[in-house]
Amino acid sequence: KFEYSKNSISLEKYDDVKREMKKRKKKKKRTRHFSQTYVSIYMSNLLFVIVGKNDNPLYKFQNFSTNLNENNEEGEFILFSALDLIDEVYWKNTSMYHKNIDKHEDYWVSAFISAGNIKFMLLHDFRNEDGIKNFFTEVYELYMKVLFNPFYKINTPITSKNFDKKIKILSKKYLRP
């Protein structure tokens, strides 16, 4: 890093250079601050699980930035305990999408139940009902495409990397606070 001293250039130029360096530092601080705020606004905590007919997990996607730990046993436990509530709601209401079935502290559980009794469950810490509903419908379409694959056995875990990539894209698109 090259630094100017009073001896090497005139005092006027020295002051000008100092002012310019201060402006650059302020600009860097502003952009850094903006990027930190941008990240914190759009990072949300969510756990998405597809549960099969026999209550066996078929697929899991998680994005936790705070509160719940990375192993997220707590999040899985919350979703597992909500399975009974989903069964009750399913027999009372015939719609596929069920919003905010359960609440645990700052987290809500939303669900989407297919005609074949496959449960799409989402544990989230934000309210965006339209986005969640759109996310579920597009994931359901992706799941139907997986079912059309002749090499996929029904009610077995989904291991497709392409499926995982598309779920990540859909979560970024629809699941924002």
N, C-alpha and C. Protein backbone atom coordinates (compact mmCIF):
# COMPACT_ATOMS: atom_id res chain seq x y z
N LYS A 1 0.85 -1.19 0.00
CA LYS A 1 0.00 0.00 0.00
C LYS A 1 0.89 1.24 0.00
N PHE A 2 0.66 2.14 -0.95
CA PHE A 2 1.48 3.35 -1.06
C PHE A 2 0.80 4.46 -0.28
N GLU A 3 1.54 5.13 0.58
CA GLU A 3 0.97 6.22 1.37
C GLU A 3 1.71 7.51 1.02
N TYR A 4 0.91 8.57 1.01
CA TYR A 4 1.49 9.88 0.72
C TYR A 4 1.94 10.52 2.02
N SER A 5 3.04 11.26 1.93
CA SER A 5 3.48 12.02 3.10
C SER A 5 3.56 13.49 2.71
N LYS A 6 3.63 14.33 3.68
CA LYS A 6 3.64 15.77 3.43
C LYS A 6 4.93 16.18 2.71
N ASN A 7 5.97 15.45 2.91
CA ASN A 7 7.26 15.80 2.31
C ASN A 7 7.31 15.49 0.82
N SER A 8 6.60 14.48 0.35
CA SER A 8 6.73 14.07 -1.05
C SER A 8 5.89 14.91 -2.00
N ILE A 9 4.78 15.49 -1.57
CA ILE A 9 3.96 16.33 -2.44
C ILE A 9 3.54 17.58 -1.70
N SER A 10 2.94 18.51 -2.41
CA SER A 10 2.53 19.76 -1.78
C SER A 10 1.38 19.51 -0.81
N LEU A 11 1.18 20.42 0.12
CA LEU A 11 0.14 20.27 1.15
C LEU A 11 -1.27 20.22 0.54
N GLU A 12 -1.51 20.99 -0.54
CA GLU A 12 -2.84 20.98 -1.17
C GLU A 12 -3.15 19.61 -1.76
N LYS A 13 -2.22 19.04 -2.47
CA LYS A 13 -2.42 17.72 -3.05
C LYS A 13 -2.56 16.66 -1.96
N TYR A 14 -1.77 16.84 -0.88
CA TYR A 14 -1.85 15.90 0.22
C TYR A 14 -3.27 15.89 0.82
N ASP A 15 -3.83 17.07 1.02
CA ASP A 15 -5.19 17.18 1.56
C ASP A 15 -6.22 16.59 0.60
N ASP A 16 -6.04 16.85 -0.70
CA ASP A 16 -6.95 16.30 -1.70
C ASP A 16 -6.92 14.76 -1.70
N VAL A 17 -5.73 14.22 -1.63
CA VAL A 17 -5.58 12.77 -1.62
C VAL A 17 -6.22 12.17 -0.37
N LYS A 18 -6.02 12.83 0.80
CA LYS A 18 -6.62 12.36 2.04
C LYS A 18 -8.15 12.36 1.94
N ARG A 19 -8.73 13.44 1.38
CA ARG A 19 -10.19 13.52 1.20
C ARG A 19 -10.69 12.40 0.30
N GLU A 20 -9.97 12.14 -0.77
CA GLU A 20 -10.35 11.08 -1.72
C GLU A 20 -10.32 9.71 -1.04
N MET A 21 -9.30 9.48 -0.23
CA MET A 21 -9.20 8.20 0.47
C MET A 21 -10.34 8.04 1.48
N LYS A 22 -10.73 9.13 2.15
CA LYS A 22 -11.85 9.06 3.09
C LYS A 22 -13.16 8.75 2.35
N LYS A 23 -13.36 9.36 1.18
CA LYS A 23 -14.56 9.09 0.38
C LYS A 23 -14.63 7.62 -0.02
N ARG A 24 -13.51 7.07 -0.44
CA ARG A 24 -13.47 5.66 -0.84
C ARG A 24 -13.80 4.74 0.33
N LYS A 25 -13.27 5.07 1.52
CA LYS A 25 -13.57 4.25 2.69
C LYS A 25 -15.07 4.31 3.01
N LYS A 26 -15.68 5.51 2.91
CA LYS A 26 -17.12 5.64 3.18
C LYS A 26 -17.93 4.83 2.19
N LYS A 27 -17.55 4.88 0.92
CA LYS A 27 -18.27 4.11 -0.11
C LYS A 27 -18.17 2.62 0.18
N LYS A 28 -17.00 2.15 0.57
CA LYS A 28 -16.83 0.73 0.87
C LYS A 28 -17.69 0.33 2.05
N LYS A 29 -17.73 1.17 3.07
CA LYS A 29 -18.55 0.85 4.24
C LYS A 29 -20.02 0.78 3.86
N ARG A 30 -20.50 1.69 3.03
CA ARG A 30 -21.91 1.70 2.63
C ARG A 30 -22.26 0.42 1.87
N THR A 31 -21.44 0.03 0.91
CA THR A 31 -21.76 -1.16 0.14
C THR A 31 -21.67 -2.40 1.01
N ARG A 32 -20.72 -2.45 1.90
CA ARG A 32 -20.60 -3.59 2.78
C ARG A 32 -21.84 -3.67 3.67
N HIS A 33 -22.25 -2.54 4.21
CA HIS A 33 -23.44 -2.50 5.07
C HIS A 33 -24.68 -2.92 4.28
N PHE A 34 -24.80 -2.45 3.05
CA PHE A 34 -25.97 -2.82 2.23
C PHE A 34 -26.01 -4.32 1.97
N SER A 35 -24.86 -4.90 1.64
CA SER A 35 -24.84 -6.33 1.33
C SER A 35 -25.17 -7.15 2.57
N GLN A 36 -24.73 -6.72 3.75
CA GLN A 36 -25.06 -7.45 4.97
C GLN A 36 -26.56 -7.38 5.24
N THR A 37 -27.17 -6.22 5.03
CA THR A 37 -28.61 -6.09 5.24
C THR A 37 -29.37 -6.91 4.22
N TYR A 38 -28.91 -6.92 2.99
CA TYR A 38 -29.59 -7.67 1.94
C TYR A 38 -29.62 -9.15 2.28
N VAL A 39 -28.49 -9.66 2.76
CA VAL A 39 -28.43 -11.07 3.11
C VAL A 39 -29.35 -11.37 4.28
N SER A 40 -29.37 -10.52 5.30
CA SER A 40 -30.20 -10.81 6.46
C SER A 40 -31.68 -10.71 6.16
N ILE A 41 -32.08 -9.89 5.21
CA ILE A 41 -33.50 -9.76 4.87
C ILE A 41 -34.00 -11.02 4.18
N TYR A 42 -33.23 -11.58 3.28
CA TYR A 42 -33.72 -12.69 2.46
C TYR A 42 -33.32 -14.06 2.97
N MET A 43 -32.61 -14.15 4.06
CA MET A 43 -32.31 -15.45 4.63
C MET A 43 -33.44 -15.82 5.57
N SER A 44 -34.05 -16.94 5.36
CA SER A 44 -35.12 -17.39 6.22
C SER A 44 -34.85 -18.83 6.64
N ASN A 45 -35.47 -19.22 7.72
CA ASN A 45 -35.31 -20.57 8.22
C ASN A 45 -36.43 -21.42 7.69
N LEU A 46 -36.10 -22.54 7.07
CA LEU A 46 -37.13 -23.44 6.60
C LEU A 46 -36.62 -24.86 6.52
N LEU A 47 -37.56 -25.78 6.67
CA LEU A 47 -37.28 -27.20 6.53
C LEU A 47 -38.43 -27.77 5.72
N PHE A 48 -38.11 -28.35 4.57
CA PHE A 48 -39.12 -28.92 3.69
C PHE A 48 -38.92 -30.43 3.63
N VAL A 49 -40.01 -31.16 3.84
CA VAL A 49 -39.94 -32.62 3.85
C VAL A 49 -41.10 -33.18 3.04
N ILE A 50 -40.81 -34.23 2.26
CA ILE A 50 -41.85 -34.99 1.59
C ILE A 50 -41.96 -36.31 2.35
N VAL A 51 -43.19 -36.60 2.82
CA VAL A 51 -43.42 -37.78 3.63
C VAL A 51 -44.30 -38.74 2.84
N GLY A 52 -43.93 -40.03 2.81
CA GLY A 52 -44.65 -41.04 2.05
C GLY A 52 -45.92 -41.53 2.74
N LYS A 53 -46.55 -42.52 2.11
CA LYS A 53 -47.82 -43.07 2.60
C LYS A 53 -47.69 -43.68 3.99
N ASN A 54 -46.58 -44.32 4.27
CA ASN A 54 -46.37 -44.98 5.56
C ASN A 54 -45.63 -44.08 6.54
N ASP A 55 -45.72 -42.79 6.37
CA ASP A 55 -45.03 -41.78 7.18
C ASP A 55 -43.51 -41.95 7.14
N ASN A 56 -43.01 -42.41 6.03
CA ASN A 56 -41.56 -42.51 5.85
C ASN A 56 -41.06 -41.31 5.05
N PRO A 57 -39.91 -40.74 5.41
CA PRO A 57 -39.38 -39.57 4.68
C PRO A 57 -38.89 -39.95 3.29
N LEU A 58 -39.34 -39.17 2.30
CA LEU A 58 -38.91 -39.40 0.92
C LEU A 58 -37.86 -38.39 0.48
N TYR A 59 -37.95 -37.18 1.03
CA TYR A 59 -37.02 -36.12 0.62
C TYR A 59 -36.95 -35.09 1.73
N LYS A 60 -35.77 -34.47 1.90
CA LYS A 60 -35.61 -33.42 2.91
C LYS A 60 -34.73 -32.31 2.36
N PHE A 61 -35.18 -31.06 2.53
CA PHE A 61 -34.39 -29.89 2.16
C PHE A 61 -34.44 -28.93 3.33
N GLN A 62 -33.27 -28.45 3.75
CA GLN A 62 -33.22 -27.53 4.88
C GLN A 62 -32.41 -26.29 4.55
N ASN A 63 -32.83 -25.19 5.15
CA ASN A 63 -32.11 -23.93 5.02
C ASN A 63 -32.30 -23.19 6.33
N PHE A 64 -31.39 -23.41 7.28
CA PHE A 64 -31.47 -22.74 8.57
C PHE A 64 -30.30 -21.80 8.71
N SER A 65 -30.59 -20.52 8.90
CA SER A 65 -29.52 -19.55 9.10
C SER A 65 -29.34 -19.23 10.58
N THR A 66 -30.39 -19.39 11.40
CA THR A 66 -30.28 -19.08 12.83
C THR A 66 -31.17 -20.01 13.63
N ASN A 67 -31.15 -19.83 14.92
CA ASN A 67 -32.01 -20.49 15.91
C ASN A 67 -31.87 -22.01 15.94
N LEU A 68 -32.42 -22.72 15.00
CA LEU A 68 -32.33 -24.18 15.04
C LEU A 68 -30.94 -24.61 14.57
N ASN A 69 -30.44 -25.66 15.17
CA ASN A 69 -29.09 -26.09 14.81
C ASN A 69 -29.08 -26.77 13.45
N GLU A 70 -27.87 -26.99 12.93
CA GLU A 70 -27.72 -27.58 11.60
C GLU A 70 -28.26 -29.00 11.54
N ASN A 71 -28.14 -29.76 12.62
CA ASN A 71 -28.68 -31.12 12.62
C ASN A 71 -30.19 -31.11 12.65
N ASN A 72 -30.74 -30.02 13.11
CA ASN A 72 -32.17 -29.69 13.20
C ASN A 72 -33.06 -30.84 13.63
N GLU A 73 -32.64 -31.56 14.68
CA GLU A 73 -33.53 -32.58 15.23
C GLU A 73 -34.81 -31.93 15.73
N GLU A 74 -34.68 -30.71 16.24
CA GLU A 74 -35.86 -30.00 16.74
C GLU A 74 -36.86 -29.75 15.60
N GLY A 75 -36.37 -29.32 14.46
CA GLY A 75 -37.25 -29.06 13.31
C GLY A 75 -37.91 -30.33 12.82
N GLU A 76 -37.15 -31.42 12.77
CA GLU A 76 -37.73 -32.70 12.35
C GLU A 76 -38.77 -33.18 13.34
N PHE A 77 -38.50 -32.96 14.63
CA PHE A 77 -39.46 -33.36 15.66
C PHE A 77 -40.76 -32.56 15.52
N ILE A 78 -40.66 -31.27 15.25
CA ILE A 78 -41.85 -30.43 15.08
C ILE A 78 -42.69 -30.94 13.91
N LEU A 79 -42.03 -31.24 12.80
CA LEU A 79 -42.75 -31.76 11.63
C LEU A 79 -43.35 -33.14 11.91
N PHE A 80 -42.62 -33.99 12.60
CA PHE A 80 -43.12 -35.32 12.91
C PHE A 80 -44.35 -35.24 13.81
N SER A 81 -44.32 -34.34 14.79
CA SER A 81 -45.48 -34.19 15.67
C SER A 81 -46.68 -33.59 14.94
N ALA A 82 -46.43 -32.86 13.87
CA ALA A 82 -47.54 -32.26 13.11
C ALA A 82 -48.22 -33.27 12.18
N LEU A 83 -47.65 -34.44 11.99
CA LEU A 83 -48.25 -35.45 11.11
C LEU A 83 -49.66 -35.84 11.58
N ASP A 84 -49.86 -35.99 12.88
CA ASP A 84 -51.18 -36.32 13.39
C ASP A 84 -52.19 -35.21 13.10
N LEU A 85 -51.75 -33.97 13.27
CA LEU A 85 -52.64 -32.84 12.98
C LEU A 85 -52.99 -32.79 11.49
N ILE A 86 -52.04 -33.13 10.64
CA ILE A 86 -52.29 -33.13 9.20
C ILE A 86 -53.33 -34.19 8.85
N ASP A 87 -53.22 -35.37 9.47
CA ASP A 87 -54.21 -36.41 9.23
C ASP A 87 -55.62 -35.97 9.63
N GLU A 88 -55.72 -35.29 10.78
CA GLU A 88 -57.02 -34.79 11.24
C GLU A 88 -57.58 -33.76 10.26
N VAL A 89 -56.74 -32.82 9.85
CA VAL A 89 -57.18 -31.76 8.94
C VAL A 89 -57.56 -32.34 7.58
N TYR A 90 -56.83 -33.36 7.14
CA TYR A 90 -57.07 -33.97 5.83
C TYR A 90 -58.48 -34.55 5.73
N TRP A 91 -58.95 -35.17 6.80
CA TRP A 91 -60.29 -35.78 6.76
C TRP A 91 -61.40 -34.75 6.94
N LYS A 92 -61.10 -33.61 7.53
CA LYS A 92 -62.11 -32.56 7.71
C LYS A 92 -62.22 -31.64 6.50
N ASN A 93 -61.10 -31.39 5.85
CA ASN A 93 -61.05 -30.44 4.74
C ASN A 93 -60.47 -31.15 3.52
N THR A 94 -61.15 -31.06 2.39
CA THR A 94 -60.70 -31.80 1.21
C THR A 94 -59.70 -31.05 0.33
N SER A 95 -59.36 -29.83 0.68
CA SER A 95 -58.40 -29.11 -0.15
C SER A 95 -57.00 -29.70 0.03
N MET A 96 -56.15 -29.48 -0.94
CA MET A 96 -54.80 -30.05 -0.91
C MET A 96 -53.85 -29.20 -0.05
N TYR A 97 -54.03 -27.88 -0.07
CA TYR A 97 -53.13 -26.98 0.65
C TYR A 97 -53.74 -26.63 2.01
N HIS A 98 -52.94 -26.77 3.05
CA HIS A 98 -53.37 -26.44 4.41
C HIS A 98 -52.33 -25.51 5.01
N LYS A 99 -52.72 -24.28 5.26
CA LYS A 99 -51.76 -23.30 5.76
C LYS A 99 -51.74 -23.28 7.29
N ASN A 100 -50.59 -23.08 7.83
CA ASN A 100 -50.38 -22.91 9.27
C ASN A 100 -51.14 -23.92 10.12
N ILE A 101 -50.85 -25.18 9.93
CA ILE A 101 -51.51 -26.24 10.68
C ILE A 101 -51.07 -26.23 12.14
N ASP A 102 -49.80 -25.98 12.38
CA ASP A 102 -49.26 -26.02 13.73
C ASP A 102 -48.30 -24.86 13.91
N LYS A 103 -48.10 -24.44 15.16
CA LYS A 103 -47.16 -23.37 15.47
C LYS A 103 -46.33 -23.80 16.67
N HIS A 104 -45.03 -23.61 16.55
CA HIS A 104 -44.11 -23.91 17.65
C HIS A 104 -43.16 -22.73 17.78
N GLU A 105 -43.27 -22.00 18.87
CA GLU A 105 -42.50 -20.78 19.10
C GLU A 105 -42.66 -19.83 17.91
N ASP A 106 -41.58 -19.59 17.14
CA ASP A 106 -41.65 -18.67 16.00
C ASP A 106 -41.82 -19.39 14.68
N TYR A 107 -42.10 -20.68 14.70
CA TYR A 107 -42.17 -21.47 13.48
C TYR A 107 -43.59 -21.98 13.23
N TRP A 108 -43.96 -22.00 11.95
CA TRP A 108 -45.26 -22.51 11.53
C TRP A 108 -45.04 -23.74 10.66
N VAL A 109 -46.04 -24.61 10.64
CA VAL A 109 -46.02 -25.79 9.79
C VAL A 109 -47.15 -25.65 8.79
N SER A 110 -46.81 -25.70 7.51
CA SER A 110 -47.80 -25.70 6.44
C SER A 110 -47.66 -27.02 5.70
N ALA A 111 -48.77 -27.46 5.08
CA ALA A 111 -48.73 -28.78 4.43
C ALA A 111 -49.52 -28.76 3.14
N PHE A 112 -49.18 -29.71 2.27
CA PHE A 112 -49.85 -29.94 1.01
C PHE A 112 -49.97 -31.45 0.89
N ILE A 113 -51.19 -31.94 0.73
CA ILE A 113 -51.41 -33.39 0.70
C ILE A 113 -51.91 -33.78 -0.68
N SER A 114 -51.21 -34.71 -1.31
CA SER A 114 -51.59 -35.13 -2.66
C SER A 114 -52.74 -36.13 -2.59
N ALA A 115 -53.28 -36.45 -3.75
CA ALA A 115 -54.38 -37.42 -3.81
C ALA A 115 -53.91 -38.81 -3.39
N GLY A 116 -52.65 -39.10 -3.55
CA GLY A 116 -52.08 -40.39 -3.16
C GLY A 116 -51.61 -40.42 -1.72
N ASN A 117 -52.01 -39.42 -0.92
CA ASN A 117 -51.66 -39.30 0.50
C ASN A 117 -50.17 -39.10 0.74
N ILE A 118 -49.49 -38.43 -0.19
CA ILE A 118 -48.10 -38.01 0.01
C ILE A 118 -48.16 -36.61 0.61
N LYS A 119 -47.45 -36.40 1.70
CA LYS A 119 -47.51 -35.14 2.43
C LYS A 119 -46.26 -34.31 2.14
N PHE A 120 -46.47 -33.08 1.73
CA PHE A 120 -45.40 -32.10 1.55
C PHE A 120 -45.50 -31.16 2.74
N MET A 121 -44.49 -31.14 3.58
CA MET A 121 -44.55 -30.34 4.81
C MET A 121 -43.44 -29.29 4.81
N LEU A 122 -43.79 -28.11 5.30
CA LEU A 122 -42.84 -27.01 5.35
C LEU A 122 -42.87 -26.38 6.74
N LEU A 123 -41.71 -26.33 7.38
CA LEU A 123 -41.53 -25.63 8.64
C LEU A 123 -40.86 -24.31 8.31
N HIS A 124 -41.50 -23.19 8.64
CA HIS A 124 -40.99 -21.88 8.24
C HIS A 124 -41.19 -20.86 9.34
N ASP A 125 -40.44 -19.76 9.26
CA ASP A 125 -40.53 -18.71 10.27
C ASP A 125 -41.01 -17.39 9.67
N PHE A 126 -41.72 -17.42 8.58
CA PHE A 126 -42.22 -16.21 7.93
C PHE A 126 -43.63 -16.46 7.43
N ARG A 127 -44.33 -15.39 7.11
CA ARG A 127 -45.69 -15.51 6.57
C ARG A 127 -45.69 -14.99 5.14
N ASN A 128 -45.89 -15.91 4.23
CA ASN A 128 -46.00 -15.57 2.81
C ASN A 128 -46.87 -16.66 2.19
N GLU A 129 -48.17 -16.58 2.47
CA GLU A 129 -49.08 -17.66 2.12
C GLU A 129 -49.15 -17.92 0.62
N ASP A 130 -49.17 -16.87 -0.18
CA ASP A 130 -49.21 -17.06 -1.63
C ASP A 130 -47.94 -17.72 -2.15
N GLY A 131 -46.80 -17.28 -1.63
CA GLY A 131 -45.53 -17.87 -2.04
C GLY A 131 -45.44 -19.34 -1.64
N ILE A 132 -45.89 -19.65 -0.44
CA ILE A 132 -45.85 -21.04 0.04
C ILE A 132 -46.77 -21.92 -0.80
N LYS A 133 -47.95 -21.41 -1.11
CA LYS A 133 -48.89 -22.18 -1.92
C LYS A 133 -48.32 -22.43 -3.32
N ASN A 134 -47.73 -21.41 -3.92
CA ASN A 134 -47.11 -21.57 -5.24
C ASN A 134 -45.93 -22.55 -5.18
N PHE A 135 -45.15 -22.47 -4.11
CA PHE A 135 -44.03 -23.40 -3.93
C PHE A 135 -44.55 -24.84 -3.89
N PHE A 136 -45.59 -25.08 -3.10
CA PHE A 136 -46.13 -26.43 -2.99
C PHE A 136 -46.67 -26.95 -4.32
N THR A 137 -47.36 -26.11 -5.07
CA THR A 137 -47.92 -26.59 -6.34
C THR A 137 -46.81 -26.93 -7.34
N GLU A 138 -45.76 -26.12 -7.39
CA GLU A 138 -44.67 -26.42 -8.32
C GLU A 138 -43.86 -27.63 -7.87
N VAL A 139 -43.70 -27.81 -6.56
CA VAL A 139 -43.01 -29.00 -6.07
C VAL A 139 -43.85 -30.24 -6.36
N TYR A 140 -45.16 -30.12 -6.25
CA TYR A 140 -46.05 -31.24 -6.57
C TYR A 140 -45.89 -31.64 -8.04
N GLU A 141 -45.79 -30.65 -8.93
CA GLU A 141 -45.56 -30.94 -10.35
C GLU A 141 -44.22 -31.65 -10.55
N LEU A 142 -43.19 -31.19 -9.84
CA LEU A 142 -41.87 -31.86 -9.91
C LEU A 142 -41.97 -33.31 -9.42
N TYR A 143 -42.71 -33.50 -8.34
CA TYR A 143 -42.87 -34.85 -7.79
C TYR A 143 -43.60 -35.75 -8.79
N MET A 144 -44.59 -35.20 -9.48
CA MET A 144 -45.31 -35.99 -10.48
C MET A 144 -44.36 -36.41 -11.61
N LYS A 145 -43.44 -35.53 -11.98
CA LYS A 145 -42.45 -35.88 -13.00
C LYS A 145 -41.54 -37.00 -12.53
N VAL A 146 -41.20 -36.99 -11.24
CA VAL A 146 -40.40 -38.07 -10.68
C VAL A 146 -41.17 -39.39 -10.75
N LEU A 147 -42.47 -39.34 -10.46
CA LEU A 147 -43.29 -40.56 -10.51
C LEU A 147 -43.37 -41.14 -11.92
N PHE A 148 -43.28 -40.30 -12.94
CA PHE A 148 -43.33 -40.79 -14.32
C PHE A 148 -42.03 -41.48 -14.74
N ASN A 149 -40.99 -41.34 -13.95
CA ASN A 149 -39.72 -41.99 -14.26
C ASN A 149 -39.87 -43.50 -14.04
N PRO A 150 -39.62 -44.31 -15.06
CA PRO A 150 -39.81 -45.75 -14.90
C PRO A 150 -38.81 -46.41 -13.94
N PHE A 151 -37.71 -45.72 -13.61
CA PHE A 151 -36.71 -46.30 -12.71
C PHE A 151 -36.95 -45.94 -11.25
N TYR A 152 -37.95 -45.11 -10.98
CA TYR A 152 -38.25 -44.71 -9.61
C TYR A 152 -39.30 -45.65 -9.01
N LYS A 153 -39.00 -46.21 -7.86
CA LYS A 153 -39.97 -47.06 -7.16
C LYS A 153 -40.79 -46.16 -6.23
N ILE A 154 -42.09 -46.29 -6.30
CA ILE A 154 -42.98 -45.45 -5.50
C ILE A 154 -42.73 -45.67 -4.02
N ASN A 155 -42.78 -44.58 -3.26
CA ASN A 155 -42.64 -44.57 -1.80
C ASN A 155 -41.21 -44.91 -1.35
N THR A 156 -40.21 -44.58 -2.18
CA THR A 156 -38.81 -44.72 -1.80
C THR A 156 -38.16 -43.33 -1.82
N PRO A 157 -37.07 -43.13 -1.10
CA PRO A 157 -36.44 -41.81 -1.06
C PRO A 157 -36.03 -41.30 -2.45
N ILE A 158 -36.18 -39.99 -2.63
CA ILE A 158 -35.82 -39.33 -3.89
C ILE A 158 -34.36 -38.89 -3.77
N THR A 159 -33.52 -39.39 -4.66
CA THR A 159 -32.08 -39.10 -4.59
C THR A 159 -31.58 -38.31 -5.79
N SER A 160 -32.47 -37.83 -6.63
CA SER A 160 -32.09 -37.13 -7.84
C SER A 160 -31.46 -35.77 -7.52
N LYS A 161 -30.27 -35.53 -8.05
CA LYS A 161 -29.61 -34.23 -7.86
C LYS A 161 -30.35 -33.13 -8.62
N ASN A 162 -30.94 -33.47 -9.74
CA ASN A 162 -31.71 -32.51 -10.52
C ASN A 162 -32.94 -32.05 -9.73
N PHE A 163 -33.61 -32.98 -9.07
CA PHE A 163 -34.76 -32.66 -8.24
C PHE A 163 -34.34 -31.72 -7.11
N ASP A 164 -33.22 -32.03 -6.48
CA ASP A 164 -32.70 -31.21 -5.39
C ASP A 164 -32.38 -29.79 -5.86
N LYS A 165 -31.77 -29.69 -7.03
CA LYS A 165 -31.42 -28.37 -7.58
C LYS A 165 -32.68 -27.54 -7.87
N LYS A 166 -33.70 -28.19 -8.42
CA LYS A 166 -34.94 -27.47 -8.72
C LYS A 166 -35.67 -27.04 -7.45
N ILE A 167 -35.61 -27.84 -6.40
CA ILE A 167 -36.21 -27.46 -5.12
C ILE A 167 -35.51 -26.22 -4.56
N LYS A 168 -34.20 -26.17 -4.66
CA LYS A 168 -33.44 -25.01 -4.18
C LYS A 168 -33.83 -23.76 -4.96
N ILE A 169 -33.99 -23.89 -6.27
CA ILE A 169 -34.38 -22.75 -7.10
C ILE A 169 -35.78 -22.27 -6.72
N LEU A 170 -36.70 -23.21 -6.53
CA LEU A 170 -38.07 -22.85 -6.16
C LEU A 170 -38.12 -22.20 -4.77
N SER A 171 -37.30 -22.69 -3.86
CA SER A 171 -37.29 -22.09 -2.52
C SER A 171 -36.79 -20.65 -2.56
N LYS A 172 -35.79 -20.39 -3.38
CA LYS A 172 -35.30 -19.03 -3.52
C LYS A 172 -36.34 -18.13 -4.20
N LYS A 173 -37.10 -18.71 -5.11
CA LYS A 173 -38.09 -17.95 -5.86
C LYS A 173 -39.32 -17.60 -5.02
N TYR A 174 -39.83 -18.57 -4.26
CA TYR A 174 -41.11 -18.37 -3.57
C TYR A 174 -41.03 -18.18 -2.08
N LEU A 175 -40.04 -18.73 -1.43
CA LEU A 175 -40.03 -18.74 0.04
C LEU A 175 -39.17 -17.61 0.59
N ARG A 176 -39.70 -16.43 0.48
CA ARG A 176 -39.06 -15.24 1.06
C ARG A 176 -40.03 -14.57 2.01
N PRO A 177 -39.49 -13.98 3.05
CA PRO A 177 -40.38 -13.26 4.00
C PRO A 177 -41.02 -12.04 3.36
